[in-house]
């Protein structure tokens, strides 16, 4: 079983930065992909960024140039660096691990960007 755990959410002003972390049981470098999703009230959960086992990165158009996903194998952690935050980035952010078929979700961490 893989149990992703997110941390790093909080309240920040427009233009500020936050770094989210996702740790999981098992070797995070071996997973097929680690993804960050977000969901705000009344909206569907959307993919924000992903990193594959081979290090291929993917971003939603809405966050390109502002968010950066990275992986630290030594710390067994995937990060989401979020810069130039906007009120529309306010959401619960979830870490999702795709372990070559089975998919596991964390409990989420709240990010609130004040205007």
PDB file of N, CA and C in Angstrom:
ATOM      1  N   UNK A   1       0.828  -1.187   0.000  1.00  0.00           N
ATOM      2  CA  UNK A   1       0.000   0.000   0.000  1.00  0.00           C
ATOM      3  C   UNK A   1       0.871   1.250   0.000  1.00  0.00           C
ATOM      4  N   UNK A   2       0.411   2.226  -0.733  1.00  0.00           N
ATOM      5  CA  UNK A   2       1.099   3.512  -0.807  1.00  0.00           C
ATOM      6  C   UNK A   2       0.212   4.546  -0.144  1.00  0.00           C
ATOM      7  N   UNK A   3       0.766   5.306   0.734  1.00  0.00           N
ATOM      8  CA  UNK A   3      -0.033   6.321   1.439  1.00  0.00           C
ATOM      9  C   UNK A   3       0.610   7.686   1.254  1.00  0.00           C
ATOM     10  N   UNK A   4       0.225   8.400   0.209  1.00  0.00           N
ATOM     11  CA  UNK A   4       0.788   9.745   0.035  1.00  0.00           C
ATOM     12  C   UNK A   4       0.361  10.676   1.160  1.00  0.00           C
ATOM     13  N   UNK A   5       1.273  11.517   1.572  1.00  0.00           N
ATOM     14  CA  UNK A   5       0.985  12.502   2.615  1.00  0.00           C
ATOM     15  C   UNK A   5       1.469  13.857   2.125  1.00  0.00           C
ATOM     16  N   UNK A   6       0.542  14.813   2.064  1.00  0.00           N
ATOM     17  CA  UNK A   6       0.882  16.165   1.636  1.00  0.00           C
ATOM     18  C   UNK A   6       1.149  17.062   2.846  1.00  0.00           C
ATOM     19  N   UNK A   7       1.950  18.076   2.605  1.00  0.00           N
ATOM     20  CA  UNK A   7       2.168  19.111   3.610  1.00  0.00           C
ATOM     21  C   UNK A   7       2.572  20.389   2.891  1.00  0.00           C
ATOM     22  N   UNK A   8       2.507  21.498   3.622  1.00  0.00           N
ATOM     23  CA  UNK A   8       2.991  22.762   3.086  1.00  0.00           C
ATOM     24  C   UNK A   8       1.929  23.757   2.680  1.00  0.00           C
ATOM     25  N   UNK A   9       0.671  23.389   2.785  1.00  0.00           N
ATOM     26  CA  UNK A   9      -0.371  24.336   2.428  1.00  0.00           C
ATOM     27  C   UNK A   9      -0.475  25.460   3.449  1.00  0.00           C
ATOM     28  N   UNK A  10      -1.285  26.441   3.130  1.00  0.00           N
ATOM     29  CA  UNK A  10      -1.486  27.556   4.057  1.00  0.00           C
ATOM     30  C   UNK A  10      -2.141  28.735   3.384  1.00  0.00           C
ATOM     31  N   UNK A  11      -2.067  29.855   4.070  1.00  0.00           N
ATOM     32  CA  UNK A  11      -2.642  31.110   3.590  1.00  0.00           C
ATOM     33  C   UNK A  11      -1.522  32.025   3.119  1.00  0.00           C
ATOM     34  N   UNK A  12      -1.689  32.571   1.923  1.00  0.00           N
ATOM     35  CA  UNK A  12      -0.661  33.449   1.367  1.00  0.00           C
ATOM     36  C   UNK A  12      -1.346  34.560   0.586  1.00  0.00           C
ATOM     37  N   UNK A  13      -0.691  35.690   0.475  1.00  0.00           N
ATOM     38  CA  UNK A  13      -1.246  36.803  -0.295  1.00  0.00           C
ATOM     39  C   UNK A  13      -0.969  36.613  -1.785  1.00  0.00           C
ATOM     40  N   UNK A  14      -1.754  37.281  -2.588  1.00  0.00           N
ATOM     41  CA  UNK A  14      -1.534  37.267  -4.030  1.00  0.00           C
ATOM     42  C   UNK A  14      -0.095  37.648  -4.345  1.00  0.00           C
ATOM     43  N   UNK A  15       0.505  36.861  -5.230  1.00  0.00           N
ATOM     44  CA  UNK A  15       1.897  37.087  -5.592  1.00  0.00           C
ATOM     45  C   UNK A  15       2.893  36.332  -4.751  1.00  0.00           C
ATOM     46  N   UNK A  16       2.421  35.715  -3.687  1.00  0.00           N
ATOM     47  CA  UNK A  16       3.300  34.986  -2.790  1.00  0.00           C
ATOM     48  C   UNK A  16       3.630  33.590  -3.297  1.00  0.00           C
ATOM     49  N   UNK A  17       4.354  32.868  -2.465  1.00  0.00           N
ATOM     50  CA  UNK A  17       4.817  31.527  -2.839  1.00  0.00           C
ATOM     51  C   UNK A  17       4.551  30.534  -1.716  1.00  0.00           C
ATOM     52  N   UNK A  18       4.371  29.288  -2.127  1.00  0.00           N
ATOM     53  CA  UNK A  18       4.284  28.164  -1.207  1.00  0.00           C
ATOM     54  C   UNK A  18       4.959  26.971  -1.853  1.00  0.00           C
ATOM     55  N   UNK A  19       5.452  26.075  -1.017  1.00  0.00           N
ATOM     56  CA  UNK A  19       5.987  24.821  -1.525  1.00  0.00           C
ATOM     57  C   UNK A  19       5.265  23.669  -0.846  1.00  0.00           C
ATOM     58  N   UNK A  20       4.630  22.859  -1.656  1.00  0.00           N
ATOM     59  CA  UNK A  20       3.956  21.663  -1.165  1.00  0.00           C
ATOM     60  C   UNK A  20       4.895  20.473  -1.271  1.00  0.00           C
ATOM     61  N   UNK A  21       4.739  19.560  -0.318  1.00  0.00           N
ATOM     62  CA  UNK A  21       5.540  18.338  -0.317  1.00  0.00           C
ATOM     63  C   UNK A  21       4.629  17.126  -0.306  1.00  0.00           C
ATOM     64  N   UNK A  22       5.076  16.085  -0.969  1.00  0.00           N
ATOM     65  CA  UNK A  22       4.343  14.820  -0.985  1.00  0.00           C
ATOM     66  C   UNK A  22       5.342  13.704  -0.694  1.00  0.00           C
ATOM     67  N   UNK A  23       5.114  13.017   0.387  1.00  0.00           N
ATOM     68  CA  UNK A  23       5.920  11.848   0.700  1.00  0.00           C
ATOM     69  C   UNK A  23       5.019  10.623   0.667  1.00  0.00           C
ATOM     70  N   UNK A  24       5.635   9.466   0.470  1.00  0.00           N
ATOM     71  CA  UNK A  24       4.835   8.244   0.375  1.00  0.00           C
ATOM     72  C   UNK A  24       5.657   7.047   0.824  1.00  0.00           C
ATOM     73  N   UNK A  25       4.964   6.011   1.272  1.00  0.00           N
ATOM     74  CA  UNK A  25       5.649   4.778   1.591  1.00  0.00           C
ATOM     75  C   UNK A  25       6.099   4.130   0.296  1.00  0.00           C
ATOM     76  N   UNK A  26       7.235   3.508   0.327  1.00  0.00           N
ATOM     77  CA  UNK A  26       7.795   2.962  -0.898  1.00  0.00           C
ATOM     78  C   UNK A  26       8.703   3.969  -1.565  1.00  0.00           C
ATOM     79  N   UNK A  27       9.456   3.522  -2.551  1.00  0.00           N
ATOM     80  CA  UNK A  27      10.398   4.380  -3.257  1.00  0.00           C
ATOM     81  C   UNK A  27       9.669   5.257  -4.255  1.00  0.00           C
ATOM     82  N   UNK A  28       9.667   6.545  -3.973  1.00  0.00           N
ATOM     83  CA  UNK A  28       8.915   7.469  -4.831  1.00  0.00           C
ATOM     84  C   UNK A  28       9.505   7.528  -6.229  1.00  0.00           C
ATOM     85  N   UNK A  29      10.779   7.196  -6.368  1.00  0.00           N
ATOM     86  CA  UNK A  29      11.419   7.204  -7.682  1.00  0.00           C
ATOM     87  C   UNK A  29      10.965   6.039  -8.552  1.00  0.00           C
ATOM     88  N   UNK A  30      10.346   5.039  -7.959  1.00  0.00           N
ATOM     89  CA  UNK A  30       9.944   3.864  -8.714  1.00  0.00           C
ATOM     90  C   UNK A  30       8.514   3.931  -9.223  1.00  0.00           C
ATOM     91  N   UNK A  31       7.758   4.892  -8.735  1.00  0.00           N
ATOM     92  CA  UNK A  31       6.362   4.985  -9.162  1.00  0.00           C
ATOM     93  C   UNK A  31       6.266   5.423 -10.616  1.00  0.00           C
ATOM     94  N   UNK A  32       5.229   5.011 -11.285  1.00  0.00           N
ATOM     95  CA  UNK A  32       5.026   5.397 -12.681  1.00  0.00           C
ATOM     96  C   UNK A  32       4.934   6.909 -12.809  1.00  0.00           C
ATOM     97  N   UNK A  33       4.186   7.525 -11.919  1.00  0.00           N
ATOM     98  CA  UNK A  33       4.043   8.977 -11.942  1.00  0.00           C
ATOM     99  C   UNK A  33       3.548   9.464 -10.594  1.00  0.00           C
ATOM    100  N   UNK A  34       3.925  10.670 -10.281  1.00  0.00           N
ATOM    101  CA  UNK A  34       3.382  11.366  -9.119  1.00  0.00           C
ATOM    102  C   UNK A  34       2.744  12.647  -9.627  1.00  0.00           C
ATOM    103  N   UNK A  35       1.516  12.847  -9.236  1.00  0.00           N
ATOM    104  CA  UNK A  35       0.727  13.965  -9.759  1.00  0.00           C
ATOM    105  C   UNK A  35       0.238  14.859  -8.634  1.00  0.00           C
ATOM    106  N   UNK A  36       0.094  16.112  -8.955  1.00  0.00           N
ATOM    107  CA  UNK A  36      -0.594  17.054  -8.066  1.00  0.00           C
ATOM    108  C   UNK A  36      -1.904  17.453  -8.735  1.00  0.00           C
ATOM    109  N   UNK A  37      -2.974  17.274  -8.013  1.00  0.00           N
ATOM    110  CA  UNK A  37      -4.300  17.721  -8.440  1.00  0.00           C
ATOM    111  C   UNK A  37      -4.770  18.802  -7.473  1.00  0.00           C
ATOM    112  N   UNK A  38      -5.787  19.530  -7.884  1.00  0.00           N
ATOM    113  CA  UNK A  38      -6.424  20.476  -6.985  1.00  0.00           C
ATOM    114  C   UNK A  38      -7.922  20.495  -7.238  1.00  0.00           C
ATOM    115  N   UNK A  39      -8.634  20.883  -6.200  1.00  0.00           N
ATOM    116  CA  UNK A  39     -10.088  20.977  -6.312  1.00  0.00           C
ATOM    117  C   UNK A  39     -10.569  22.126  -5.455  1.00  0.00           C
ATOM    118  N   UNK A  40     -11.324  23.007  -6.068  1.00  0.00           N
ATOM    119  CA  UNK A  40     -11.945  24.120  -5.354  1.00  0.00           C
ATOM    120  C   UNK A  40     -13.444  23.873  -5.306  1.00  0.00           C
ATOM    121  N   UNK A  41     -14.145  24.506  -4.371  1.00  0.00           N
ATOM    122  CA  UNK A  41     -15.582  24.255  -4.207  1.00  0.00           C
ATOM    123  C   UNK A  41     -16.373  24.453  -5.499  1.00  0.00           C
ATOM    124  N   UNK A  42     -17.189  23.482  -5.816  1.00  0.00           N
ATOM    125  CA  UNK A  42     -18.042  23.578  -6.994  1.00  0.00           C
ATOM    126  C   UNK A  42     -17.362  23.240  -8.304  1.00  0.00           C
ATOM    127  N   UNK A  43     -16.086  22.868  -8.234  1.00  0.00           N
ATOM    128  CA  UNK A  43     -15.350  22.555  -9.457  1.00  0.00           C
ATOM    129  C   UNK A  43     -14.835  21.128  -9.417  1.00  0.00           C
ATOM    130  N   UNK A  44     -14.561  20.604 -10.597  1.00  0.00           N
ATOM    131  CA  UNK A  44     -13.996  19.272 -10.688  1.00  0.00           C
ATOM    132  C   UNK A  44     -12.524  19.285 -10.298  1.00  0.00           C
ATOM    133  N   UNK A  45     -12.064  18.146  -9.815  1.00  0.00           N
ATOM    134  CA  UNK A  45     -10.644  18.015  -9.520  1.00  0.00           C
ATOM    135  C   UNK A  45      -9.867  18.091 -10.828  1.00  0.00           C
ATOM    136  N   UNK A  46      -8.811  18.876 -10.829  1.00  0.00           N
ATOM    137  CA  UNK A  46      -8.036  19.049 -12.044  1.00  0.00           C
ATOM    138  C   UNK A  46      -6.559  18.738 -11.807  1.00  0.00           C
ATOM    139  N   UNK A  47      -5.924  18.231 -12.859  1.00  0.00           N
ATOM    140  CA  UNK A  47      -4.499  17.934 -12.795  1.00  0.00           C
ATOM    141  C   UNK A  47      -3.714  19.238 -12.903  1.00  0.00           C
ATOM    142  N   UNK A  48      -2.801  19.437 -11.961  1.00  0.00           N
ATOM    143  CA  UNK A  48      -1.989  20.647 -11.940  1.00  0.00           C
ATOM    144  C   UNK A  48      -0.608  20.384 -12.537  1.00  0.00           C
ATOM    145  N   UNK A  49       0.023  19.316 -12.081  1.00  0.00           N
ATOM    146  CA  UNK A  49       1.377  19.002 -12.543  1.00  0.00           C
ATOM    147  C   UNK A  49       1.650  17.533 -12.296  1.00  0.00           C
ATOM    148  N   UNK A  50       2.570  16.988 -13.082  1.00  0.00           N
ATOM    149  CA  UNK A  50       2.939  15.591 -12.901  1.00  0.00           C
ATOM    150  C   UNK A  50       4.407  15.392 -13.248  1.00  0.00           C
ATOM    151  N   UNK A  51       4.973  14.353 -12.660  1.00  0.00           N
ATOM    152  CA  UNK A  51       6.340  13.949 -12.963  1.00  0.00           C
ATOM    153  C   UNK A  51       6.347  12.432 -13.088  1.00  0.00           C
ATOM    154  N   UNK A  52       6.910  11.952 -14.181  1.00  0.00           N
ATOM    155  CA  UNK A  52       6.954  10.516 -14.396  1.00  0.00           C
ATOM    156  C   UNK A  52       8.234   9.923 -13.813  1.00  0.00           C
ATOM    157  N   UNK A  53       8.291   8.616 -13.833  1.00  0.00           N
ATOM    158  CA  UNK A  53       9.475   7.935 -13.332  1.00  0.00           C
ATOM    159  C   UNK A  53      10.720   8.387 -14.097  1.00  0.00           C
ATOM    160  N   UNK A  54      10.554   8.639 -15.389  1.00  0.00           N
ATOM    161  CA  UNK A  54      11.669   9.061 -16.226  1.00  0.00           C
ATOM    162  C   UNK A  54      11.927  10.564 -16.146  1.00  0.00           C
ATOM    163  N   UNK A  55      11.178  11.254 -15.300  1.00  0.00           N
ATOM    164  CA  UNK A  55      11.428  12.674 -15.104  1.00  0.00           C
ATOM    165  C   UNK A  55      10.726  13.589 -16.089  1.00  0.00           C
ATOM    166  N   UNK A  56       9.768  13.057 -16.818  1.00  0.00           N
ATOM    167  CA  UNK A  56       9.004  13.897 -17.737  1.00  0.00           C
ATOM    168  C   UNK A  56       8.008  14.720 -16.944  1.00  0.00           C
ATOM    169  N   UNK A  57       8.004  16.009 -17.206  1.00  0.00           N
ATOM    170  CA  UNK A  57       7.152  16.942 -16.464  1.00  0.00           C
ATOM    171  C   UNK A  57       5.975  17.378 -17.327  1.00  0.00           C
ATOM    172  N   UNK A  58       4.881  17.622 -16.672  1.00  0.00           N
ATOM    173  CA  UNK A  58       3.689  18.105 -17.370  1.00  0.00           C
ATOM    174  C   UNK A  58       2.963  19.089 -16.468  1.00  0.00           C
ATOM    175  N   UNK A  59       2.455  20.161 -17.066  1.00  0.00           N
ATOM    176  CA  UNK A  59       1.773  21.199 -16.292  1.00  0.00           C
ATOM    177  C   UNK A  59       0.456  21.593 -16.961  1.00  0.00           C
ATOM    178  N   UNK A  60      -0.495  21.962 -16.145  1.00  0.00           N
ATOM    179  CA  UNK A  60      -1.707  22.583 -16.660  1.00  0.00           C
ATOM    180  C   UNK A  60      -1.349  23.956 -17.212  1.00  0.00           C
ATOM    181  N   UNK A  61      -2.042  24.362 -18.251  1.00  0.00           N
ATOM    182  CA  UNK A  61      -1.750  25.661 -18.861  1.00  0.00           C
ATOM    183  C   UNK A  61      -1.864  26.798 -17.848  1.00  0.00           C
ATOM    184  N   UNK A  62      -2.771  26.652 -16.910  1.00  0.00           N
ATOM    185  CA  UNK A  62      -3.032  27.732 -15.956  1.00  0.00           C
ATOM    186  C   UNK A  62      -1.886  27.967 -14.985  1.00  0.00           C
ATOM    187  N   UNK A  63      -0.973  27.004 -14.876  1.00  0.00           N
ATOM    188  CA  UNK A  63       0.118  27.154 -13.903  1.00  0.00           C
ATOM    189  C   UNK A  63       1.496  27.187 -14.559  1.00  0.00           C
ATOM    190  N   UNK A  64       1.552  26.998 -15.854  1.00  0.00           N
ATOM    191  CA  UNK A  64       2.848  27.000 -16.545  1.00  0.00           C
ATOM    192  C   UNK A  64       3.581  28.318 -16.308  1.00  0.00           C
ATOM    193  N   UNK A  65       4.859  28.194 -15.998  1.00  0.00           N
ATOM    194  CA  UNK A  65       5.667  29.369 -15.730  1.00  0.00           C
ATOM    195  C   UNK A  65       5.592  29.856 -14.302  1.00  0.00           C
ATOM    196  N   UNK A  66       4.658  29.307 -13.525  1.00  0.00           N
ATOM    197  CA  UNK A  66       4.519  29.730 -12.120  1.00  0.00           C
ATOM    198  C   UNK A  66       4.794  28.575 -11.153  1.00  0.00           C
ATOM    199  N   UNK A  67       4.406  27.379 -11.530  1.00  0.00           N
ATOM    200  CA  UNK A  67       4.575  26.213 -10.664  1.00  0.00           C
ATOM    201  C   UNK A  67       5.684  25.325 -11.210  1.00  0.00           C
ATOM    202  N   UNK A  68       6.384  24.672 -10.298  1.00  0.00           N
ATOM    203  CA  UNK A  68       7.432  23.738 -10.681  1.00  0.00           C
ATOM    204  C   UNK A  68       7.310  22.464  -9.854  1.00  0.00           C
ATOM    205  N   UNK A  69       7.234  21.337 -10.520  1.00  0.00           N
ATOM    206  CA  UNK A  69       7.212  20.046  -9.829  1.00  0.00           C
ATOM    207  C   UNK A  69       8.616  19.455  -9.884  1.00  0.00           C
ATOM    208  N   UNK A  70       9.023  18.860  -8.780  1.00  0.00           N
ATOM    209  CA  UNK A  70      10.349  18.257  -8.734  1.00  0.00           C
ATOM    210  C   UNK A  70      10.332  17.070  -7.781  1.00  0.00           C
ATOM    211  N   UNK A  71      11.400  16.293  -7.853  1.00  0.00           N
ATOM    212  CA  UNK A  71      11.465  15.083  -7.033  1.00  0.00           C
ATOM    213  C   UNK A  71      12.846  14.994  -6.402  1.00  0.00           C
ATOM    214  N   UNK A  72      12.871  14.694  -5.133  1.00  0.00           N
ATOM    215  CA  UNK A  72      14.120  14.459  -4.409  1.00  0.00           C
ATOM    216  C   UNK A  72      14.117  12.994  -3.988  1.00  0.00           C
ATOM    217  N   UNK A  73      14.856  12.179  -4.719  1.00  0.00           N
ATOM    218  CA  UNK A  73      14.845  10.743  -4.436  1.00  0.00           C
ATOM    219  C   UNK A  73      15.438  10.430  -3.064  1.00  0.00           C
ATOM    220  N   UNK A  74      16.437  11.188  -2.674  1.00  0.00           N
ATOM    221  CA  UNK A  74      17.077  10.934  -1.378  1.00  0.00           C
ATOM    222  C   UNK A  74      16.103  11.173  -0.219  1.00  0.00           C
ATOM    223  N   UNK A  75      15.219  12.135  -0.404  1.00  0.00           N
ATOM    224  CA  UNK A  75      14.229  12.445   0.638  1.00  0.00           C
ATOM    225  C   UNK A  75      12.899  11.763   0.379  1.00  0.00           C
ATOM    226  N   UNK A  76      12.832  11.017  -0.737  1.00  0.00           N
ATOM    227  CA  UNK A  76      11.600  10.307  -1.073  1.00  0.00           C
ATOM    228  C   UNK A  76      10.391  11.239  -1.102  1.00  0.00           C
ATOM    229  N   UNK A  77      10.579  12.387  -1.716  1.00  0.00           N
ATOM    230  CA  UNK A  77       9.564  13.439  -1.675  1.00  0.00           C
ATOM    231  C   UNK A  77       9.435  14.090  -3.058  1.00  0.00           C
ATOM    232  N   UNK A  78       8.205  14.413  -3.408  1.00  0.00           N
ATOM    233  CA  UNK A  78       7.926  15.229  -4.588  1.00  0.00           C
ATOM    234  C   UNK A  78       7.421  16.586  -4.104  1.00  0.00           C
ATOM    235  N   UNK A  79       7.921  17.627  -4.740  1.00  0.00           N
ATOM    236  CA  UNK A  79       7.568  18.987  -4.344  1.00  0.00           C
ATOM    237  C   UNK A  79       6.755  19.676  -5.447  1.00  0.00           C
ATOM    238  N   UNK A  80       5.959  20.623  -5.021  1.00  0.00           N
ATOM    239  CA  UNK A  80       5.301  21.522  -5.951  1.00  0.00           C
ATOM    240  C   UNK A  80       5.589  22.934  -5.471  1.00  0.00           C
ATOM    241  N   UNK A  81       6.509  23.590  -6.163  1.00  0.00           N
ATOM    242  CA  UNK A  81       6.836  24.980  -5.849  1.00  0.00           C
ATOM    243  C   UNK A  81       5.859  25.882  -6.589  1.00  0.00           C
ATOM    244  N   UNK A  82       5.157  26.680  -5.834  1.00  0.00           N
ATOM    245  CA  UNK A  82       4.126  27.540  -6.413  1.00  0.00           C
ATOM    246  C   UNK A  82       4.508  28.995  -6.197  1.00  0.00           C
ATOM    247  N   UNK A  83       4.750  29.707  -7.271  1.00  0.00           N
ATOM    248  CA  UNK A  83       5.111  31.117  -7.224  1.00  0.00           C
ATOM    249  C   UNK A  83       4.033  31.965  -7.896  1.00  0.00           C
ATOM    250  N   UNK A  84       4.097  33.245  -7.633  1.00  0.00           N
ATOM    251  CA  UNK A  84       3.139  34.194  -8.235  1.00  0.00           C
ATOM    252  C   UNK A  84       1.709  33.704  -8.071  1.00  0.00           C
ATOM    253  N   UNK A  85       1.384  33.329  -6.866  1.00  0.00           N
ATOM    254  CA  UNK A  85       0.064  32.747  -6.617  1.00  0.00           C
ATOM    255  C   UNK A  85      -1.052  33.765  -6.830  1.00  0.00           C
ATOM    256  N   UNK A  86      -2.170  33.253  -7.307  1.00  0.00           N
ATOM    257  CA  UNK A  86      -3.349  34.061  -7.599  1.00  0.00           C
ATOM    258  C   UNK A  86      -4.529  33.551  -6.774  1.00  0.00           C
ATOM    259  N   UNK A  87      -5.521  34.374  -6.554  1.00  0.00           N
ATOM    260  CA  UNK A  87      -6.703  33.898  -5.809  1.00  0.00           C
ATOM    261  C   UNK A  87      -7.336  32.660  -6.451  1.00  0.00           C
ATOM    262  N   UNK A  88      -7.270  32.555  -7.754  1.00  0.00           N
ATOM    263  CA  UNK A  88      -7.859  31.397  -8.430  1.00  0.00           C
ATOM    264  C   UNK A  88      -7.074  30.108  -8.211  1.00  0.00           C
ATOM    265  N   UNK A  89      -5.912  30.202  -7.574  1.00  0.00           N
ATOM    266  CA  UNK A  89      -5.166  28.995  -7.193  1.00  0.00           C
ATOM    267  C   UNK A  89      -5.675  28.404  -5.891  1.00  0.00           C
ATOM    268  N   UNK A  90      -6.568  29.111  -5.229  1.00  0.00           N
ATOM    269  CA  UNK A  90      -7.127  28.616  -3.974  1.00  0.00           C
ATOM    270  C   UNK A  90      -7.856  27.298  -4.194  1.00  0.00           C
ATOM    271  N   UNK A  91      -7.468  26.289  -3.445  1.00  0.00           N
ATOM    272  CA  UNK A  91      -8.041  24.951  -3.610  1.00  0.00           C
ATOM    273  C   UNK A  91      -7.429  24.019  -2.581  1.00  0.00           C
ATOM    274  N   UNK A  92      -7.990  22.833  -2.501  1.00  0.00           N
ATOM    275  CA  UNK A  92      -7.330  21.741  -1.790  1.00  0.00           C
ATOM    276  C   UNK A  92      -6.444  21.030  -2.808  1.00  0.00           C
ATOM    277  N   UNK A  93      -5.194  20.881  -2.464  1.00  0.00           N
ATOM    278  CA  UNK A  93      -4.232  20.251  -3.352  1.00  0.00           C
ATOM    279  C   UNK A  93      -3.982  18.815  -2.881  1.00  0.00           C
ATOM    280  N   UNK A  94      -4.059  17.897  -3.833  1.00  0.00           N
ATOM    281  CA  UNK A  94      -3.912  16.483  -3.538  1.00  0.00           C
ATOM    282  C   UNK A  94      -2.702  15.897  -4.269  1.00  0.00           C
ATOM    283  N   UNK A  95      -1.985  15.063  -3.562  1.00  0.00           N
ATOM    284  CA  UNK A  95      -0.934  14.282  -4.185  1.00  0.00           C
ATOM    285  C   UNK A  95      -1.533  12.941  -4.617  1.00  0.00           C
ATOM    286  N   UNK A  96      -1.222  12.544  -5.818  1.00  0.00           N
ATOM    287  CA  UNK A  96      -1.700  11.272  -6.363  1.00  0.00           C
ATOM    288  C   UNK A  96      -0.510  10.478  -6.868  1.00  0.00           C
ATOM    289  N   UNK A  97      -0.450   9.239  -6.453  1.00  0.00           N
ATOM    290  CA  UNK A  97       0.633   8.354  -6.886  1.00  0.00           C
ATOM    291  C   UNK A  97       0.063   7.267  -7.778  1.00  0.00           C
ATOM    292  N   UNK A  98       0.611   7.157  -8.973  1.00  0.00           N
ATOM    293  CA  UNK A  98       0.244   6.072  -9.878  1.00  0.00           C
ATOM    294  C   UNK A  98       1.347   5.024  -9.807  1.00  0.00           C
ATOM    295  N   UNK A  99       0.983   3.887  -9.229  1.00  0.00           N
ATOM    296  CA  UNK A  99       1.990   2.848  -9.005  1.00  0.00           C
ATOM    297  C   UNK A  99       1.798   1.731 -10.028  1.00  0.00           C
ATOM    298  N   UNK A 100       1.952   2.101 -11.308  1.00  0.00           N
ATOM    299  CA  UNK A 100       1.854   1.132 -12.395  1.00  0.00           C
ATOM    300  C   UNK A 100       0.507   0.409 -12.391  1.00  0.00           C
ATOM    301  N   UNK A 101      -0.533   1.202 -12.232  1.00  0.00           N
ATOM    302  CA  UNK A 101      -1.887   0.659 -12.257  1.00  0.00           C
ATOM    303  C   UNK A 101      -2.685   1.208 -11.101  1.00  0.00           C
ATOM    304  N   UNK A 102      -2.462   0.709  -9.892  1.00  0.00           N
ATOM    305  CA  UNK A 102      -3.176   1.258  -8.740  1.00  0.00           C
ATOM    306  C   UNK A 102      -2.825   2.730  -8.528  1.00  0.00           C
ATOM    307  N   UNK A 103      -3.835   3.472  -8.086  1.00  0.00           N
ATOM    308  CA  UNK A 103      -3.658   4.902  -7.875  1.00  0.00           C
ATOM    309  C   UNK A 103      -4.013   5.227  -6.432  1.00  0.00           C
ATOM    310  N   UNK A 104      -3.209   6.048  -5.799  1.00  0.00           N
ATOM    311  CA  UNK A 104      -3.399   6.355  -4.390  1.00  0.00           C
ATOM    312  C   UNK A 104      -3.447   7.865  -4.191  1.00  0.00           C
ATOM    313  N   UNK A 105      -4.318   8.269  -3.287  1.00  0.00           N
ATOM    314  CA  UNK A 105      -4.519   9.690  -3.024  1.00  0.00           C
ATOM    315  C   UNK A 105      -4.150  10.039  -1.590  1.00  0.00           C
ATOM    316  N   UNK A 106      -3.602  11.224  -1.431  1.00  0.00           N
ATOM    317  CA  UNK A 106      -3.398  11.766  -0.103  1.00  0.00           C
ATOM    318  C   UNK A 106      -4.665  12.431   0.394  1.00  0.00           C
ATOM    319  N   UNK A 107      -4.586  12.967   1.601  1.00  0.00           N
ATOM    320  CA  UNK A 107      -5.761  13.564   2.220  1.00  0.00           C
ATOM    321  C   UNK A 107      -5.982  15.007   1.783  1.00  0.00           C
ATOM    322  N   UNK A 108      -4.984  15.582   1.155  1.00  0.00           N
ATOM    323  CA  UNK A 108      -5.106  16.945   0.653  1.00  0.00           C
ATOM    324  C   UNK A 108      -4.580  17.980   1.625  1.00  0.00           C
ATOM    325  N   UNK A 109      -4.163  19.107   1.076  1.00  0.00           N
ATOM    326  CA  UNK A 109      -3.719  20.236   1.888  1.00  0.00           C
ATOM    327  C   UNK A 109      -4.311  21.507   1.302  1.00  0.00           C
ATOM    328  N   UNK A 110      -4.826  22.356   2.170  1.00  0.00           N
ATOM    329  CA  UNK A 110      -5.523  23.562   1.718  1.00  0.00           C
ATOM    330  C   UNK A 110      -4.539  24.672   1.381  1.00  0.00           C
ATOM    331  N   UNK A 111      -4.745  25.259   0.224  1.00  0.00           N
ATOM    332  CA  UNK A 111      -4.001  26.453  -0.179  1.00  0.00           C
ATOM    333  C   UNK A 111      -5.017  27.571  -0.379  1.00  0.00           C
ATOM    334  N   UNK A 112      -4.818  28.669   0.315  1.00  0.00           N
ATOM    335  CA  UNK A 112      -5.708  29.809   0.193  1.00  0.00           C
ATOM    336  C   UNK A 112      -4.886  31.035  -0.167  1.00  0.00           C
ATOM    337  N   UNK A 113      -5.265  31.679  -1.263  1.00  0.00           N
ATOM    338  CA  UNK A 113      -4.562  32.873  -1.725  1.00  0.00           C
ATOM    339  C   UNK A 113      -5.509  34.057  -1.558  1.00  0.00           C
ATOM    340  N   UNK A 114      -5.129  35.002  -0.735  1.00  0.00           N
ATOM    341  CA  UNK A 114      -5.972  36.161  -0.481  1.00  0.00           C
ATOM    342  C   UNK A 114      -5.653  37.280  -1.464  1.00  0.00           C
ATOM    343  N   UNK A 115      -6.701  38.015  -1.815  1.00  0.00           N
ATOM    344  CA  UNK A 115      -6.518  39.111  -2.774  1.00  0.00           C
ATOM    345  C   UNK A 115      -6.185  40.409  -2.071  1.00  0.00           C
TER     346      UNK A 115
END
